Amino acid sequence: MKKTLFLLISLSFVLVAQAQEPLKPVPQIPDPPALSQSENDSIAEFYTMPEIFIGVNEREEKYLRDMNVLRNRILRVYPYAKATAENLTIMNANLEKMETRRQKNAYISRSQKYLETEFKERLKKLSRKDGRILIKLIHRQTGNTTFSLIKEFKSGWSAFWSNNTAKLFDLNLKSEYHPDVDLEDFYIETQLNFLFYSYRLTNQQAKPPIDFNALRKKWEAQIGNTVAYPAELKE
């Protein structure tokens, strides 16, 4: 499963590879934090001691624990999504300079080899659930689904098989990011902004841009008085 996950995610990173003469240096991506036992999909929950939150009820404790896990997943995968968006501009500019399809194909092939060397060991550390968050954030940062990015730079047949193989491992490469209508995505956006505010991640504008204040007010009007509303946003 890990090997298959790497093949799927690494293929989505065709966009971040550089030409032989890039327009700017490759953005450095730090190694993702190591998986804790509670976050590693392959380790049973009863082997871990749950984090204890003082002064909250059981439902609030579960929420805080879940959000702590979500923040750690975002910390691991956001740098890859950010690098994808940064280098998308570089790759498109380089491809525009190439006159023939043969040159473009050679460039993409060279890019894939670069990616295998640069990211293979790092991506192998990601879990299946990390992969789901990464696919969402790639859409947030680029405005394109992972599936559409693969289809653009590979054949449609390869994109079809990649997507159907991904589904076997609960990964949908066509997943989109819509925090305005999807509560799970709103949780991701909330925790992402929390990490921006605490300077644990460097903010990068989403495509299209997201007005978090307007987003917060929208959800507050819908579920502001329920337990589903993020605790971090409650006064």
Protein backbone atom coordinates (compact mmCIF):
# COMPACT_ATOMS: atom_id res chain seq x y z
CA MET A 1 0.00 0.00 0.00
CA LYS A 2 2.81 2.42 0.87
CA LYS A 3 4.49 1.78 -2.49
CA THR A 4 1.23 2.37 -4.36
CA LEU A 5 0.58 5.56 -2.40
CA PHE A 6 4.04 6.84 -3.33
CA LEU A 7 3.44 6.13 -7.03
CA LEU A 8 0.14 7.98 -6.96
CA ILE A 9 1.35 11.01 -5.03
CA SER A 10 4.70 11.27 -6.81
CA LEU A 11 2.88 11.31 -10.15
CA SER A 12 0.94 14.32 -8.94
CA PHE A 13 4.26 16.10 -8.41
CA VAL A 14 5.13 16.19 -12.10
CA LEU A 15 4.27 19.88 -11.82
CA VAL A 16 6.94 20.74 -9.28
CA ALA A 17 10.00 19.47 -11.15
CA GLN A 18 12.48 21.90 -12.62
CA ALA A 19 13.98 22.28 -16.08
CA GLN A 20 17.74 22.05 -16.56
CA GLU A 21 17.81 25.86 -16.38
CA PRO A 22 14.99 26.77 -13.95
CA LEU A 23 13.70 30.29 -13.62
CA LYS A 24 14.46 30.18 -9.91
CA PRO A 25 15.91 27.70 -7.38
CA VAL A 26 13.84 24.77 -6.20
CA PRO A 27 11.97 25.75 -3.02
CA GLN A 28 13.34 23.74 -0.14
CA ILE A 29 10.84 21.39 1.48
CA PRO A 30 11.61 20.31 5.06
CA ASP A 31 11.26 16.69 6.04
CA PRO A 32 7.73 16.11 7.38
CA PRO A 33 7.39 15.49 11.11
CA ALA A 34 7.53 11.82 12.01
CA LEU A 35 4.25 9.99 12.46
CA SER A 36 3.17 9.52 16.02
CA GLN A 37 1.75 6.15 16.93
CA SER A 38 -1.77 7.58 17.21
CA GLU A 39 -1.51 8.96 13.68
CA ASN A 40 0.09 5.98 11.97
CA ASP A 41 -2.67 4.05 10.21
CA SER A 42 -0.90 0.74 10.74
CA ILE A 43 -0.77 0.91 14.55
CA ALA A 44 -3.77 -0.06 16.65
CA GLU A 45 -5.24 2.63 18.88
CA PHE A 46 -4.97 0.56 22.05
CA TYR A 47 -1.18 0.77 21.89
CA THR A 48 -1.29 4.53 22.49
CA MET A 49 -2.14 6.72 25.46
CA PRO A 50 -4.74 9.32 24.43
CA GLU A 51 -3.95 12.98 25.01
CA ILE A 52 -5.87 14.38 28.00
CA PHE A 53 -7.49 17.82 27.96
CA ILE A 54 -8.30 19.25 31.38
CA GLY A 55 -11.61 21.05 31.97
CA VAL A 56 -13.49 19.85 28.87
CA ASN A 57 -16.20 17.28 28.40
CA GLU A 58 -15.83 14.04 26.47
CA ARG A 59 -17.20 15.43 23.20
CA GLU A 60 -14.95 18.49 23.35
CA GLU A 61 -12.00 16.29 24.23
CA LYS A 62 -12.58 14.19 21.11
CA TYR A 63 -12.81 17.31 18.98
CA LEU A 64 -9.56 18.72 20.37
CA ARG A 65 -7.82 15.40 19.89
CA ASP A 66 -9.07 15.09 16.31
CA MET A 67 -8.01 18.64 15.48
CA ASN A 68 -4.57 18.06 16.94
CA VAL A 69 -4.15 15.05 14.63
CA LEU A 70 -5.44 17.12 11.68
CA ARG A 71 -2.95 19.91 12.38
CA ASN A 72 -0.09 17.40 12.39
CA ARG A 73 -1.25 15.98 9.08
CA ILE A 74 -1.43 19.49 7.58
CA LEU A 75 2.08 20.24 8.86
CA ARG A 76 3.36 17.17 7.02
CA VAL A 77 1.69 17.71 3.65
CA TYR A 78 1.17 21.47 3.20
CA PRO A 79 4.81 22.13 2.19
CA TYR A 80 4.34 19.76 -0.78
CA ALA A 81 1.12 21.46 -1.89
CA LYS A 82 2.78 24.87 -1.50
CA ALA A 83 5.78 23.78 -3.57
CA THR A 84 3.45 22.47 -6.27
CA ALA A 85 1.82 25.89 -6.61
CA GLU A 86 5.14 27.76 -6.56
CA ASN A 87 6.67 25.59 -9.23
CA LEU A 88 3.59 25.43 -11.43
CA THR A 89 4.46 28.95 -12.60
CA ILE A 90 8.02 27.87 -13.34
CA MET A 91 7.02 24.79 -15.28
CA ASN A 92 4.41 26.60 -17.37
CA ALA A 93 6.94 29.32 -18.22
CA ASN A 94 9.53 26.74 -19.21
CA LEU A 95 7.06 24.78 -21.35
CA GLU A 96 6.05 27.97 -23.17
CA LYS A 97 9.66 28.39 -24.27
CA MET A 98 9.68 24.94 -25.89
CA GLU A 99 8.56 24.81 -29.50
CA THR A 100 7.98 21.09 -30.07
CA ARG A 101 6.03 18.38 -28.28
CA ARG A 102 9.18 16.27 -28.26
CA GLN A 103 11.01 18.91 -26.21
CA LYS A 104 8.10 19.15 -23.79
CA ASN A 105 7.89 15.36 -23.37
CA ALA A 106 11.64 15.17 -22.71
CA TYR A 107 11.30 17.93 -20.13
CA ILE A 108 8.46 16.15 -18.34
CA SER A 109 10.35 12.85 -18.42
CA ARG A 110 13.42 14.52 -16.93
CA SER A 111 11.19 16.10 -14.31
CA GLN A 112 9.82 12.72 -13.23
CA LYS A 113 13.31 11.35 -12.71
CA TYR A 114 14.15 14.39 -10.61
CA LEU A 115 11.06 13.84 -8.49
CA GLU A 116 11.82 10.20 -7.81
CA THR A 117 15.24 11.19 -6.50
CA GLU A 118 14.08 14.24 -4.55
CA PHE A 119 10.81 13.13 -2.97
CA LYS A 120 10.59 9.33 -2.88
CA GLU A 121 11.85 8.77 0.65
CA ARG A 122 9.89 11.72 2.02
CA LEU A 123 6.60 10.67 0.41
CA LYS A 124 7.00 7.13 1.70
CA LYS A 125 6.60 8.56 5.20
CA LEU A 126 3.07 9.75 4.45
CA SER A 127 0.05 7.68 5.49
CA ARG A 128 -3.09 7.10 3.46
CA LYS A 129 -4.92 9.78 5.46
CA ASP A 130 -2.04 12.19 4.88
CA GLY A 131 -2.48 11.51 1.16
CA ARG A 132 -6.15 12.48 1.30
CA ILE A 133 -5.28 15.83 2.91
CA LEU A 134 -2.48 16.41 0.41
CA ILE A 135 -4.81 15.88 -2.56
CA LYS A 136 -7.24 18.41 -1.05
CA LEU A 137 -4.49 20.98 -0.47
CA ILE A 138 -3.07 20.56 -3.98
CA HIS A 139 -6.48 21.64 -5.26
CA ARG A 140 -6.50 24.54 -2.77
CA GLN A 141 -3.10 25.83 -3.84
CA THR A 142 -3.30 25.26 -7.61
CA GLY A 143 -7.00 25.42 -8.42
CA ASN A 144 -6.66 22.03 -10.13
CA THR A 145 -7.37 18.51 -8.95
CA THR A 146 -4.51 16.03 -8.81
CA PHE A 147 -6.34 13.99 -11.46
CA SER A 148 -6.52 16.94 -13.87
CA LEU A 149 -2.84 17.74 -13.34
CA ILE A 150 -1.89 14.14 -14.12
CA LYS A 151 -4.16 14.16 -17.18
CA GLU A 152 -2.57 17.37 -18.44
CA PHE A 153 0.96 16.01 -18.37
CA LYS A 154 0.24 12.31 -18.94
CA SER A 155 -2.23 10.48 -21.14
CA GLY A 156 -5.88 10.38 -20.16
CA TRP A 157 -5.59 6.58 -19.93
CA SER A 158 -2.85 6.87 -17.29
CA ALA A 159 -4.96 9.37 -15.35
CA PHE A 160 -7.95 6.99 -15.50
CA TRP A 161 -5.99 4.05 -14.11
CA SER A 162 -4.23 6.17 -11.50
CA ASN A 163 -7.57 7.41 -10.19
CA ASN A 164 -9.18 3.97 -10.10
CA THR A 165 -6.14 2.45 -8.37
CA ALA A 166 -6.19 5.26 -5.84
CA LYS A 167 -9.80 4.50 -4.96
CA LEU A 168 -8.74 1.04 -3.80
CA PHE A 169 -6.85 2.82 -1.04
CA ASP A 170 -9.56 5.39 -0.31
CA LEU A 171 -7.78 8.09 -2.32
CA ASN A 172 -9.80 10.00 -4.91
CA LEU A 173 -7.51 12.01 -7.15
CA LYS A 174 -10.52 14.02 -8.33
CA SER A 175 -11.15 15.34 -4.80
CA GLU A 176 -11.76 19.08 -4.65
CA TYR A 177 -11.43 21.56 -1.82
CA HIS A 178 -14.58 23.50 -0.95
CA PRO A 179 -14.48 24.88 2.62
CA ASP A 180 -17.56 26.98 1.88
CA VAL A 181 -19.82 23.93 1.54
CA ASP A 182 -17.88 21.00 2.99
CA LEU A 183 -17.58 20.96 6.80
CA GLU A 184 -14.48 18.73 6.73
CA ASP A 185 -12.77 21.20 4.39
CA PHE A 186 -13.80 24.05 6.69
CA TYR A 187 -12.05 22.25 9.55
CA ILE A 188 -8.93 21.95 7.38
CA GLU A 189 -9.07 25.65 6.50
CA THR A 190 -9.57 26.57 10.15
CA GLN A 191 -6.56 24.57 11.29
CA LEU A 192 -4.51 25.84 8.36
CA ASN A 193 -5.23 29.44 9.36
CA PHE A 194 -4.38 28.55 12.96
CA LEU A 195 -0.97 27.34 11.75
CA PHE A 196 -0.50 30.48 9.66
CA TYR A 197 -1.41 32.69 12.62
CA SER A 198 1.03 30.86 14.92
CA TYR A 199 3.79 31.09 12.25
CA ARG A 200 4.18 27.33 12.07
CA LEU A 201 3.47 27.48 8.33
CA THR A 202 4.11 30.18 5.76
CA ASN A 203 0.89 31.47 4.25
CA GLN A 204 0.40 31.14 0.52
CA GLN A 205 -2.67 32.53 -1.25
CA ALA A 206 -5.16 29.89 -2.35
CA LYS A 207 -6.42 29.70 -5.94
CA PRO A 208 -8.98 31.16 -6.03
CA PRO A 209 -8.34 33.26 -2.89
CA ILE A 210 -10.27 32.35 0.26
CA ASP A 211 -11.73 35.07 2.49
CA PHE A 212 -11.53 33.30 5.83
CA ASN A 213 -13.51 35.95 7.73
CA ALA A 214 -16.40 35.64 5.28
CA LEU A 215 -16.07 31.86 5.44
CA ARG A 216 -16.19 31.90 9.23
CA LYS A 217 -19.31 34.10 9.27
CA LYS A 218 -21.04 31.83 6.75
CA TRP A 219 -20.50 28.72 8.88
CA GLU A 220 -21.28 30.60 12.07
CA ALA A 221 -24.69 31.48 10.64
CA GLN A 222 -25.29 27.82 9.80
CA ILE A 223 -23.87 25.90 12.77
CA GLY A 224 -22.53 28.54 15.17
CA ASN A 225 -24.55 27.29 18.12
CA THR A 226 -23.81 23.60 17.65
CA VAL A 227 -20.94 21.36 18.72
CA ALA A 228 -19.91 21.05 15.07
CA TYR A 229 -18.64 24.63 14.95
CA PRO A 230 -14.83 24.78 15.46
CA ALA A 231 -13.94 25.44 19.09
CA GLU A 232 -11.04 27.69 18.02
CA LEU A 233 -13.55 30.17 16.52
CA LYS A 234 -15.95 30.31 19.44
CA GLU A 235 -15.76 33.41 21.60
